[in-house]
C-alpha atoms as a PDB file:
ATOM      1  CA  MET A   1      78.601 130.689 103.287  1.00  0.00           C
ATOM      2  CA  THR A   2      79.737 128.481 100.430  1.00  0.00           C
ATOM      3  CA  PRO A   3      79.792 130.670  97.332  1.00  0.00           C
ATOM      4  CA  ARG A   4      78.360 129.556  94.023  1.00  0.00           C
ATOM      5  CA  ILE A   5      81.086 130.083  91.409  1.00  0.00           C
ATOM      6  CA  VAL A   6      81.458 130.655  87.696  1.00  0.00           C
ATOM      7  CA  PHE A   7      85.008 129.902  86.595  1.00  0.00           C
ATOM      8  CA  MET A   8      86.522 131.503  83.479  1.00  0.00           C
ATOM      9  CA  GLY A   9      89.779 130.293  81.950  1.00  0.00           C
ATOM     10  CA  THR A  10      91.454 128.634  78.995  1.00  0.00           C
ATOM     11  CA  PRO A  11      95.031 127.196  79.221  1.00  0.00           C
ATOM     12  CA  ASP A  12      96.792 124.637  81.425  1.00  0.00           C
ATOM     13  CA  PHE A  13      97.703 127.378  83.894  1.00  0.00           C
ATOM     14  CA  ALA A  14      93.995 127.834  84.658  1.00  0.00           C
ATOM     15  CA  VAL A  15      93.305 124.111  85.078  1.00  0.00           C
ATOM     16  CA  SER A  16      95.278 124.000  88.332  1.00  0.00           C
ATOM     17  CA  SER A  17      92.996 126.618  89.885  1.00  0.00           C
ATOM     18  CA  LEU A  18      89.802 124.974  88.632  1.00  0.00           C
ATOM     19  CA  ASP A  19      90.973 121.634  89.999  1.00  0.00           C
ATOM     20  CA  ALA A  20      91.716 123.200  93.394  1.00  0.00           C
ATOM     21  CA  ILE A  21      88.243 124.781  93.460  1.00  0.00           C
ATOM     22  CA  VAL A  22      86.595 121.430  92.687  1.00  0.00           C
ATOM     23  CA  LYS A  23      88.683 119.577  95.272  1.00  0.00           C
ATOM     24  CA  ALA A  24      87.816 122.227  97.876  1.00  0.00           C
ATOM     25  CA  ARG A  25      84.148 121.309  97.205  1.00  0.00           C
ATOM     26  CA  PHE A  26      83.000 124.723  96.069  1.00  0.00           C
ATOM     27  CA  GLU A  27      79.909 124.708  93.890  1.00  0.00           C
ATOM     28  CA  VAL A  28      80.870 125.401  90.267  1.00  0.00           C
ATOM     29  CA  ALA A  29      77.751 126.633  88.468  1.00  0.00           C
ATOM     30  CA  ALA A  30      79.526 126.756  85.102  1.00  0.00           C
ATOM     31  CA  VAL A  31      82.879 126.969  83.377  1.00  0.00           C
ATOM     32  CA  VAL A  32      83.370 129.619  80.694  1.00  0.00           C
ATOM     33  CA  THR A  33      86.100 129.038  78.133  1.00  0.00           C
ATOM     34  CA  VAL A  34      86.962 129.828  74.518  1.00  0.00           C
ATOM     35  CA  PRO A  35      85.067 128.239  71.612  1.00  0.00           C
ATOM     36  CA  ASP A  36      86.550 125.151  69.971  1.00  0.00           C
ATOM     37  CA  ARG A  37      88.889 125.934  67.090  1.00  0.00           C
ATOM     38  CA  LYS A  38      90.160 124.088  64.040  1.00  0.00           C
ATOM     39  CA  SER A  39      93.950 123.949  63.885  1.00  0.00           C
ATOM     40  CA  GLY A  40      96.814 122.152  62.195  1.00  0.00           C
ATOM     41  CA  ARG A  41      97.148 120.745  58.716  1.00  0.00           C
ATOM     42  CA  GLY A  42      94.170 118.459  59.134  1.00  0.00           C
ATOM     43  CA  GLN A  43      92.034 121.239  60.601  1.00  0.00           C
ATOM     44  CA  ARG A  44      91.222 119.063  63.577  1.00  0.00           C
ATOM     45  CA  VAL A  45      88.965 120.593  66.201  1.00  0.00           C
ATOM     46  CA  SER A  46      90.912 121.500  69.331  1.00  0.00           C
ATOM     47  CA  THR A  47      89.425 122.227  72.737  1.00  0.00           C
ATOM     48  CA  SER A  48      90.913 124.243  75.562  1.00  0.00           C
ATOM     49  CA  PRO A  49      92.536 122.453  78.524  1.00  0.00           C
ATOM     50  CA  VAL A  50      89.904 124.024  80.780  1.00  0.00           C
ATOM     51  CA  LYS A  51      87.097 122.556  78.664  1.00  0.00           C
ATOM     52  CA  ASP A  52      88.787 119.150  78.724  1.00  0.00           C
ATOM     53  CA  TYR A  53      88.878 119.283  82.527  1.00  0.00           C
ATOM     54  CA  ALA A  54      85.254 120.447  82.743  1.00  0.00           C
ATOM     55  CA  LEU A  55      84.082 117.606  80.486  1.00  0.00           C
ATOM     56  CA  GLU A  56      86.011 115.057  82.544  1.00  0.00           C
ATOM     57  CA  HIS A  57      84.389 116.297  85.755  1.00  0.00           C
ATOM     58  CA  GLY A  58      80.879 116.874  84.435  1.00  0.00           C
ATOM     59  CA  LEU A  59      80.881 120.645  84.848  1.00  0.00           C
ATOM     60  CA  PRO A  60      78.496 122.802  82.767  1.00  0.00           C
ATOM     61  CA  ILE A  61      80.365 124.621  79.967  1.00  0.00           C
ATOM     62  CA  LEU A  62      79.723 127.933  78.219  1.00  0.00           C
ATOM     63  CA  GLN A  63      81.745 128.904  75.118  1.00  0.00           C
ATOM     64  CA  PRO A  64      80.587 132.307  73.901  1.00  0.00           C
ATOM     65  CA  GLU A  65      82.064 133.787  70.734  1.00  0.00           C
ATOM     66  CA  LYS A  66      81.371 137.280  72.064  1.00  0.00           C
ATOM     67  CA  LEU A  67      81.278 138.135  75.745  1.00  0.00           C
ATOM     68  CA  ARG A  68      78.730 140.904  75.130  1.00  0.00           C
ATOM     69  CA  ASP A  69      76.288 138.555  73.402  1.00  0.00           C
ATOM     70  CA  PRO A  70      72.884 139.200  75.058  1.00  0.00           C
ATOM     71  CA  LEU A  71      72.095 135.471  75.089  1.00  0.00           C
ATOM     72  CA  PHE A  72      75.359 134.720  76.899  1.00  0.00           C
ATOM     73  CA  ILE A  73      74.785 137.564  79.368  1.00  0.00           C
ATOM     74  CA  GLU A  74      71.300 136.276  80.127  1.00  0.00           C
ATOM     75  CA  GLU A  75      72.524 132.700  80.557  1.00  0.00           C
ATOM     76  CA  LEU A  76      75.307 133.898  82.844  1.00  0.00           C
ATOM     77  CA  ARG A  77      72.857 135.929  84.902  1.00  0.00           C
ATOM     78  CA  SER A  78      70.491 132.971  85.205  1.00  0.00           C
ATOM     79  CA  LEU A  79      73.203 130.959  86.961  1.00  0.00           C
ATOM     80  CA  ALA A  80      72.847 133.245  89.993  1.00  0.00           C
ATOM     81  CA  ALA A  81      76.507 132.869  90.922  1.00  0.00           C
ATOM     82  CA  ASP A  82      77.886 134.670  93.967  1.00  0.00           C
ATOM     83  CA  ILE A  83      81.337 135.229  92.500  1.00  0.00           C
ATOM     84  CA  PHE A  84      83.262 134.870  89.237  1.00  0.00           C
ATOM     85  CA  VAL A  85      86.839 133.563  89.214  1.00  0.00           C
ATOM     86  CA  VAL A  86      89.036 134.426  86.210  1.00  0.00           C
ATOM     87  CA  VAL A  87      92.363 132.739  85.434  1.00  0.00           C
ATOM     88  CA  ALA A  88      94.110 133.330  82.086  1.00  0.00           C
ATOM     89  CA  PHE A  89      91.005 134.306  80.129  1.00  0.00           C
ATOM     90  CA  ARG A  90      89.900 137.192  77.947  1.00  0.00           C
ATOM     91  CA  MET A  91      89.290 140.779  78.987  1.00  0.00           C
ATOM     92  CA  LEU A  92      85.766 140.960  80.413  1.00  0.00           C
ATOM     93  CA  PRO A  93      83.276 143.738  79.721  1.00  0.00           C
ATOM     94  CA  GLN A  94      81.866 145.564  82.728  1.00  0.00           C
ATOM     95  CA  VAL A  95      78.462 143.968  82.254  1.00  0.00           C
ATOM     96  CA  VAL A  96      80.120 140.646  83.064  1.00  0.00           C
ATOM     97  CA  TRP A  97      82.625 141.425  85.816  1.00  0.00           C
ATOM     98  CA  SER A  98      80.160 143.600  87.741  1.00  0.00           C
ATOM     99  CA  MET A  99      77.421 140.966  87.708  1.00  0.00           C
ATOM    100  CA  PRO A 100      77.992 138.759  90.798  1.00  0.00           C
ATOM    101  CA  PRO A 101      77.270 140.203  94.278  1.00  0.00           C
ATOM    102  CA  LEU A 102      80.732 139.288  95.611  1.00  0.00           C
ATOM    103  CA  GLY A 103      82.418 140.598  92.472  1.00  0.00           C
ATOM    104  CA  THR A 104      84.902 139.059  90.052  1.00  0.00           C
ATOM    105  CA  PHE A 105      88.510 138.353  90.909  1.00  0.00           C
ATOM    106  CA  ASN A 106      91.451 137.389  88.734  1.00  0.00           C
ATOM    107  CA  LEU A 107      94.612 135.395  89.368  1.00  0.00           C
ATOM    108  CA  HIS A 108      97.686 137.035  87.832  1.00  0.00           C
ATOM    109  CA  ALA A 109     101.125 135.403  87.561  1.00  0.00           C
ATOM    110  CA  SER A 110     103.188 138.253  89.005  1.00  0.00           C
ATOM    111  CA  LEU A 111     103.592 140.294  92.141  1.00  0.00           C
ATOM    112  CA  LEU A 112     101.351 143.161  91.136  1.00  0.00           C
ATOM    113  CA  PRO A 113     101.722 145.998  90.418  1.00  0.00           C
ATOM    114  CA  HIS A 114     104.818 144.613  88.663  1.00  0.00           C
ATOM    115  CA  TYR A 115     104.444 142.926  85.262  1.00  0.00           C
ATOM    116  CA  ARG A 116     100.942 143.826  84.254  1.00  0.00           C
ATOM    117  CA  GLY A 117     100.128 142.272  80.902  1.00  0.00           C
ATOM    118  CA  ALA A 118      99.749 139.008  79.000  1.00  0.00           C
ATOM    119  CA  ALA A 119     103.192 137.442  79.554  1.00  0.00           C
ATOM    120  CA  PRO A 120     104.381 138.158  83.110  1.00  0.00           C
ATOM    121  CA  ILE A 121     106.207 134.850  83.556  1.00  0.00           C
ATOM    122  CA  ASN A 122     108.295 135.281  80.419  1.00  0.00           C
ATOM    123  CA  TRP A 123     109.195 138.911  81.016  1.00  0.00           C
ATOM    124  CA  ALA A 124     110.218 138.419  84.642  1.00  0.00           C
ATOM    125  CA  ILE A 125     112.856 135.890  83.576  1.00  0.00           C
ATOM    126  CA  ILE A 126     113.884 137.802  80.444  1.00  0.00           C
ATOM    127  CA  ASN A 127     114.535 140.842  82.636  1.00  0.00           C
ATOM    128  CA  GLY A 128     116.662 138.855  85.076  1.00  0.00           C
ATOM    129  CA  GLU A 129     114.327 139.136  88.056  1.00  0.00           C
ATOM    130  CA  THR A 130     115.138 137.027  91.105  1.00  0.00           C
ATOM    131  CA  GLU A 131     111.579 136.883  92.466  1.00  0.00           C
ATOM    132  CA  SER A 132     108.095 136.345  91.084  1.00  0.00           C
ATOM    133  CA  GLY A 133     104.758 135.274  92.457  1.00  0.00           C
ATOM    134  CA  VAL A 134     100.995 135.316  92.097  1.00  0.00           C
ATOM    135  CA  THR A 135      98.339 137.867  92.992  1.00  0.00           C
ATOM    136  CA  THR A 136      94.575 137.750  93.240  1.00  0.00           C
ATOM    137  CA  PHE A 137      92.789 141.034  92.588  1.00  0.00           C
ATOM    138  CA  MET A 138      89.319 142.374  91.875  1.00  0.00           C
ATOM    139  CA  LEU A 139      88.589 143.129  88.245  1.00  0.00           C
ATOM    140  CA  ASN A 140      87.756 146.640  87.109  1.00  0.00           C
ATOM    141  CA  GLU A 141      87.825 148.501  83.804  1.00  0.00           C
ATOM    142  CA  ARG A 142      91.659 148.819  83.784  1.00  0.00           C
ATOM    143  CA  ILE A 143      93.788 145.829  82.835  1.00  0.00           C
ATOM    144  CA  ASP A 144      95.511 144.262  85.875  1.00  0.00           C
ATOM    145  CA  GLU A 145      94.974 147.397  87.981  1.00  0.00           C
ATOM    146  CA  GLY A 146      92.148 146.283  90.261  1.00  0.00           C
ATOM    147  CA  GLU A 147      92.388 146.231  94.042  1.00  0.00           C
ATOM    148  CA  MET A 148      94.587 143.440  95.395  1.00  0.00           C
ATOM    149  CA  LEU A 149      93.429 140.589  97.608  1.00  0.00           C
ATOM    150  CA  LEU A 150      96.240 138.095  98.299  1.00  0.00           C
ATOM    151  CA  GLN A 151      99.826 137.542  97.126  1.00  0.00           C
ATOM    152  CA  ALA A 152     102.401 134.777  97.376  1.00  0.00           C
ATOM    153  CA  ALA A 153     106.054 135.047  96.305  1.00  0.00           C
ATOM    154  CA  THR A 154     108.699 132.587  95.098  1.00  0.00           C
ATOM    155  CA  PRO A 155     112.375 132.976  94.144  1.00  0.00           C
ATOM    156  CA  ILE A 156     113.373 132.707  90.497  1.00  0.00           C
ATOM    157  CA  THR A 157     116.399 130.427  90.561  1.00  0.00           C
ATOM    158  CA  ASP A 158     119.303 130.397  88.108  1.00  0.00           C
ATOM    159  CA  THR A 159     117.992 127.118  86.685  1.00  0.00           C
ATOM    160  CA  ASP A 160     114.403 128.267  86.193  1.00  0.00           C
ATOM    161  CA  ASN A 161     112.941 128.827  82.765  1.00  0.00           C
ATOM    162  CA  ALA A 162     109.467 129.963  81.764  1.00  0.00           C
ATOM    163  CA  GLY A 163     108.212 126.383  81.920  1.00  0.00           C
ATOM    164  CA  THR A 164     109.377 125.574  85.432  1.00  0.00           C
ATOM    165  CA  LEU A 165     108.223 128.934  86.788  1.00  0.00           C
ATOM    166  CA  HIS A 166     104.863 128.517  85.016  1.00  0.00           C
ATOM    167  CA  ASP A 167     104.256 125.189  86.737  1.00  0.00           C
ATOM    168  CA  ARG A 168     105.288 126.469  90.157  1.00  0.00           C
ATOM    169  CA  LEU A 169     103.115 129.590  89.890  1.00  0.00           C
ATOM    170  CA  ALA A 170     100.154 127.553  88.645  1.00  0.00           C
ATOM    171  CA  ALA A 171     100.291 125.428  91.802  1.00  0.00           C
ATOM    172  CA  MET A 172     100.817 128.454  94.050  1.00  0.00           C
ATOM    173  CA  GLY A 173      98.020 130.304  92.287  1.00  0.00           C
ATOM    174  CA  ALA A 174      95.591 127.442  92.749  1.00  0.00           C
ATOM    175  CA  SER A 175      96.108 127.545  96.511  1.00  0.00           C
ATOM    176  CA  LEU A 176      95.784 131.342  96.509  1.00  0.00           C
ATOM    177  CA  VAL A 177      92.487 131.167  94.587  1.00  0.00           C
ATOM    178  CA  VAL A 178      90.999 128.836  97.198  1.00  0.00           C
ATOM    179  CA  ASP A 179      92.208 131.058 100.053  1.00  0.00           C
ATOM    180  CA  THR A 180      90.759 134.094  98.274  1.00  0.00           C
ATOM    181  CA  LEU A 181      87.379 132.396  97.866  1.00  0.00           C
ATOM    182  CA  HIS A 182      87.264 131.505 101.548  1.00  0.00           C
ATOM    183  CA  GLY A 183      88.252 135.031 102.572  1.00  0.00           C
ATOM    184  CA  LEU A 184      85.677 136.761 100.376  1.00  0.00           C
ATOM    185  CA  ALA A 185      82.902 134.341 101.332  1.00  0.00           C
ATOM    186  CA  GLU A 186      83.612 134.747 105.041  1.00  0.00           C
ATOM    187  CA  GLY A 187      84.034 138.516 104.816  1.00  0.00           C
ATOM    188  CA  THR A 188      87.542 138.392 106.294  1.00  0.00           C
ATOM    189  CA  LEU A 189      89.372 139.500 103.143  1.00  0.00           C
ATOM    190  CA  HIS A 190      89.175 143.099 101.994  1.00  0.00           C
ATOM    191  CA  PRO A 191      90.562 144.517  98.721  1.00  0.00           C
ATOM    192  CA  ARG A 192      93.311 147.135  98.942  1.00  0.00           C
ATOM    193  CA  PRO A 193      94.636 149.489  96.267  1.00  0.00           C
ATOM    194  CA  GLN A 194      97.755 148.525  94.360  1.00  0.00           C
ATOM    195  CA  PRO A 195     100.732 150.675  95.364  1.00  0.00           C
ATOM    196  CA  PRO A 196     101.851 153.211  92.749  1.00  0.00           C
ATOM    197  CA  LEU A 197     104.888 152.379  90.647  1.00  0.00           C
ATOM    198  CA  ALA A 198     107.490 154.943  89.625  1.00  0.00           C
ATOM    199  CA  MET A 199     108.918 152.576  87.004  1.00  0.00           C
ATOM    200  CA  PRO A 200     106.316 150.076  85.726  1.00  0.00           C
ATOM    201  CA  SER A 201     107.520 146.724  84.373  1.00  0.00           C
ATOM    202  CA  PRO A 202     105.251 145.889  81.437  1.00  0.00           C
ATOM    203  CA  ALA A 203     104.591 142.319  80.296  1.00  0.00           C
ATOM    204  CA  PRO A 204     103.077 142.582  76.807  1.00  0.00           C
ATOM    205  CA  LYS A 205     102.113 139.589  74.699  1.00  0.00           C
ATOM    206  CA  ILE A 206     105.096 137.997  72.956  1.00  0.00           C
ATOM    207  CA  PHE A 207     104.951 137.474  69.206  1.00  0.00           C
ATOM    208  CA  LYS A 208     107.214 135.438  66.921  1.00  0.00           C
ATOM    209  CA  ALA A 209     109.053 138.569  65.814  1.00  0.00           C
ATOM    210  CA  ASP A 210     109.993 139.235  69.448  1.00  0.00           C
ATOM    211  CA  CYS A 211     111.843 135.917  69.823  1.00  0.00           C
ATOM    212  CA  ALA A 212     114.962 136.576  67.733  1.00  0.00           C
ATOM    213  CA  ILE A 213     118.123 136.663  69.850  1.00  0.00           C
ATOM    214  CA  ASP A 214     120.057 139.931  69.823  1.00  0.00           C
ATOM    215  CA  TRP A 215     123.627 138.646  69.891  1.00  0.00           C
ATOM    216  CA  HIS A 216     124.930 142.141  70.613  1.00  0.00           C
ATOM    217  CA  GLY A 217     123.666 141.886  74.189  1.00  0.00           C
ATOM    218  CA  SER A 218     125.632 140.646  77.191  1.00  0.00           C
ATOM    219  CA  SER A 219     126.069 136.912  77.810  1.00  0.00           C
ATOM    220  CA  LYS A 220     123.799 137.034  80.899  1.00  0.00           C
ATOM    221  CA  LYS A 221     121.126 139.019  79.081  1.00  0.00           C
ATOM    222  CA  ILE A 222     121.068 136.558  76.182  1.00  0.00           C
ATOM    223  CA  HIS A 223     120.955 133.600  78.599  1.00  0.00           C
ATOM    224  CA  ASP A 224     118.001 135.154  80.450  1.00  0.00           C
ATOM    225  CA  PHE A 225     116.256 135.830  77.132  1.00  0.00           C
ATOM    226  CA  VAL A 226     116.577 132.178  76.127  1.00  0.00           C
ATOM    227  CA  ARG A 227     115.285 130.772  79.412  1.00  0.00           C
ATOM    228  CA  GLY A 228     112.514 133.365  79.556  1.00  0.00           C
ATOM    229  CA  LEU A 229     111.166 131.984  76.284  1.00  0.00           C
ATOM    230  CA  SER A 230     111.804 128.299  76.989  1.00  0.00           C
ATOM    231  CA  PRO A 231     110.096 125.984  76.235  1.00  0.00           C
ATOM    232  CA  TYR A 232     107.547 128.226  74.519  1.00  0.00           C
ATOM    233  CA  PRO A 233     107.553 130.191  72.279  1.00  0.00           C
ATOM    234  CA  ALA A 234     111.364 129.669  72.264  1.00  0.00           C
ATOM    235  CA  ALA A 235     114.177 132.005  71.320  1.00  0.00           C
ATOM    236  CA  ASN A 236     115.347 131.676  67.733  1.00  0.00           C
ATOM    237  CA  ALA A 237     118.482 132.196  65.680  1.00  0.00           C
ATOM    238  CA  ALA A 238     119.780 131.410  62.195  1.00  0.00           C
ATOM    239  CA  MET A 239     123.049 130.157  60.706  1.00  0.00           C
ATOM    240  CA  THR A 240     124.282 130.380  57.108  1.00  0.00           C
ATOM    241  CA  ASP A 241     126.823 128.121  55.419  1.00  0.00           C
ATOM    242  CA  SER A 242     129.470 129.065  52.841  1.00  0.00           C
ATOM    243  CA  HIS A 243     127.008 128.355  50.002  1.00  0.00           C
ATOM    244  CA  GLY A 244     124.417 130.747  51.372  1.00  0.00           C
ATOM    245  CA  ASN A 245     122.154 128.012  52.723  1.00  0.00           C
ATOM    246  CA  SER A 246     120.432 129.024  55.944  1.00  0.00           C
ATOM    247  CA  ILE A 247     118.981 127.010  58.795  1.00  0.00           C
ATOM    248  CA  ASP A 248     116.609 128.376  61.401  1.00  0.00           C
ATOM    249  CA  MET A 249     116.711 127.024  64.909  1.00  0.00           C
ATOM    250  CA  LYS A 250     115.013 127.389  68.241  1.00  0.00           C
ATOM    251  CA  ILE A 251     117.294 127.492  71.273  1.00  0.00           C
ATOM    252  CA  PHE A 252     115.972 126.153  74.580  1.00  0.00           C
ATOM    253  CA  ASP A 253     118.896 125.851  77.002  1.00  0.00           C
ATOM    254  CA  THR A 254     122.127 127.793  77.353  1.00  0.00           C
ATOM    255  CA  GLN A 255     124.929 128.563  79.741  1.00  0.00           C
ATOM    256  CA  TYR A 256     126.834 131.823  79.819  1.00  0.00           C
ATOM    257  CA  GLU A 257     130.491 132.542  80.385  1.00  0.00           C
ATOM    258  CA  SER A 258     131.762 136.029  81.165  1.00  0.00           C
ATOM    259  CA  CYS A 259     135.314 136.584  80.002  1.00  0.00           C
ATOM    260  CA  VAL A 260     137.580 138.764  77.889  1.00  0.00           C
ATOM    261  CA  HIS A 261     138.254 137.547  74.338  1.00  0.00           C
ATOM    262  CA  GLU A 262     139.066 138.899  70.899  1.00  0.00           C
ATOM    263  CA  GLU A 263     136.456 137.050  68.817  1.00  0.00           C
ATOM    264  CA  PRO A 264     133.986 139.200  66.850  1.00  0.00           C
ATOM    265  CA  VAL A 265     130.403 139.122  68.138  1.00  0.00           C
ATOM    266  CA  GLY A 266     128.533 136.226  66.546  1.00  0.00           C
ATOM    267  CA  THR A 267     131.572 134.014  65.955  1.00  0.00           C
ATOM    268  CA  ILE A 268     130.728 130.314  66.236  1.00  0.00           C
ATOM    269  CA  VAL A 269     133.215 128.530  68.486  1.00  0.00           C
ATOM    270  CA  THR A 270     133.066 124.726  68.430  1.00  0.00           C
ATOM    271  CA  ASP A 271     135.137 121.563  68.812  1.00  0.00           C
ATOM    272  CA  ASN A 272     132.810 119.926  66.257  1.00  0.00           C
ATOM    273  CA  LYS A 273     131.967 117.251  68.840  1.00  0.00           C
ATOM    274  CA  ASN A 274     130.271 118.504  71.984  1.00  0.00           C
ATOM    275  CA  THR A 275     130.721 122.236  72.397  1.00  0.00           C
ATOM    276  CA  LEU A 276     128.811 124.923  70.515  1.00  0.00           C
ATOM    277  CA  LYS A 277     129.413 128.481  71.725  1.00  0.00           C
ATOM    278  CA  ILE A 278     128.653 131.922  70.362  1.00  0.00           C
ATOM    279  CA  ALA A 279     130.997 134.825  71.045  1.00  0.00           C
ATOM    280  CA  VAL A 280     129.332 137.912  72.497  1.00  0.00           C
ATOM    281  CA  LYS A 281     130.765 141.192  73.706  1.00  0.00           C
ATOM    282  CA  ASP A 282     131.565 140.083  77.266  1.00  0.00           C
ATOM    283  CA  GLY A 283     132.086 136.336  76.866  1.00  0.00           C
ATOM    284  CA  PHE A 284     130.339 133.348  75.328  1.00  0.00           C
ATOM    285  CA  VAL A 285     126.860 131.806  75.230  1.00  0.00           C
ATOM    286  CA  LYS A 286     127.017 128.020  75.165  1.00  0.00           C
ATOM    287  CA  ILE A 287     124.082 126.374  73.378  1.00  0.00           C
ATOM    288  CA  LEU A 288     122.935 123.156  75.095  1.00  0.00           C
ATOM    289  CA  THR A 289     119.681 122.161  73.388  1.00  0.00           C
ATOM    290  CA  LEU A 290     118.153 123.350  70.142  1.00  0.00           C
ATOM    291  CA  GLN A 291     115.696 122.438  67.436  1.00  0.00           C
ATOM    292  CA  ILE A 292     116.155 122.851  63.695  1.00  0.00           C
ATOM    293  CA  SER A 293     112.954 123.956  61.964  1.00  0.00           C
ATOM    294  CA  GLY A 294     110.846 120.881  61.217  1.00  0.00           C
ATOM    295  CA  LYS A 295     113.000 118.541  63.336  1.00  0.00           C
ATOM    296  CA  ARG A 296     112.956 117.257  66.913  1.00  0.00           C
ATOM    297  CA  LYS A 297     114.693 118.914  69.849  1.00  0.00           C
ATOM    298  CA  ILE A 298     118.324 117.759  70.167  1.00  0.00           C
ATOM    299  CA  THR A 299     121.448 118.420  72.209  1.00  0.00           C
ATOM    300  CA  ALA A 300     124.353 120.421  70.850  1.00  0.00           C
ATOM    301  CA  SER A 301     126.341 117.182  70.592  1.00  0.00           C
ATOM    302  CA  GLU A 302     123.667 115.582  68.432  1.00  0.00           C
ATOM    303  CA  PHE A 303     123.540 118.673  66.266  1.00  0.00           C
ATOM    304  CA  LEU A 304     127.310 118.663  65.728  1.00  0.00           C
ATOM    305  CA  ARG A 305     127.259 114.981  64.760  1.00  0.00           C
ATOM    306  CA  GLY A 306     124.714 115.721  62.050  1.00  0.00           C
ATOM    307  CA  TYR A 307     126.017 119.031  60.710  1.00  0.00           C
ATOM    308  CA  ASN A 308     129.515 120.101  59.667  1.00  0.00           C
ATOM    309  CA  ILE A 309     129.450 123.749  60.664  1.00  0.00           C
ATOM    310  CA  ASN A 310     132.961 124.717  59.602  1.00  0.00           C
ATOM    311  CA  ASN A 311     132.765 128.060  57.793  1.00  0.00           C
ATOM    312  CA  TRP A 312     129.208 128.659  58.982  1.00  0.00           C
ATOM    313  CA  LYS A 313     128.185 132.089  60.182  1.00  0.00           C
ATOM    314  CA  LEU A 314     125.605 133.174  62.672  1.00  0.00           C
ATOM    315  CA  THR A 315     123.020 135.623  61.367  1.00  0.00           C
ATOM    316  CA  ILE A 316     123.249 138.702  63.580  1.00  0.00           C
END
């Protein structure tokens, strides 16, 4: 049996799975994604990456404002799909996820039951995990708690950030989605309950207010925080000069150095040429690349050539 599929997704992460489904020659009855939005200063209309892919490949597109809209429900039902595949989309009402005869499954970027929530990639790195992965599971009424289907794991290396792990998991997830479709269609794959967790690791959505660096943490913890938010939404910090002028910056790459020193936490240590370090309680955090608000991303060396930071203070 070759199942007839409705695919639901929005960002780049979901495009990898949709592309794998198309290349595996599954029948895609429709693609469901978010409505077009106006954004930016010019209020230009922006479309989701999934819609862009669907347009390029001639796939039918549905963009409901409300997933409970009776007209959308009827249109979805009329497609007579065997299975729905969800990758990085919105929470579905039961009337939607219970519709297809083979059910609805989701691809999640963690090794469930760990890191349920909207930002599993970021939080795994922020928390210093050494392993991540992808999981397919059947949707139910509880967020990320449905019965599991398949999993695949990958190490988180010391050089990974949220961007590199995102790309690796997107590719792994795409392969897992295709394997899951084959298994469900052939009846060889059977859902199993997620194991209980004594200490859940949540992965809530990250907002701008969550991105400020706490310089009172350890050097390793701050380093993991930076790479867990790099390249997006990016960790941020602020410096103030002797006249009270402040600059806000995003920090994308760091190194950490554990050592004993006598500098107060937050002290800026620099040679005014190449090295920009911040003293923390157990060592130093070396800033490698950053971006001043409204400017392009630059190296620490470029920053030091453009700014005289003698007598500047870090906002902590």
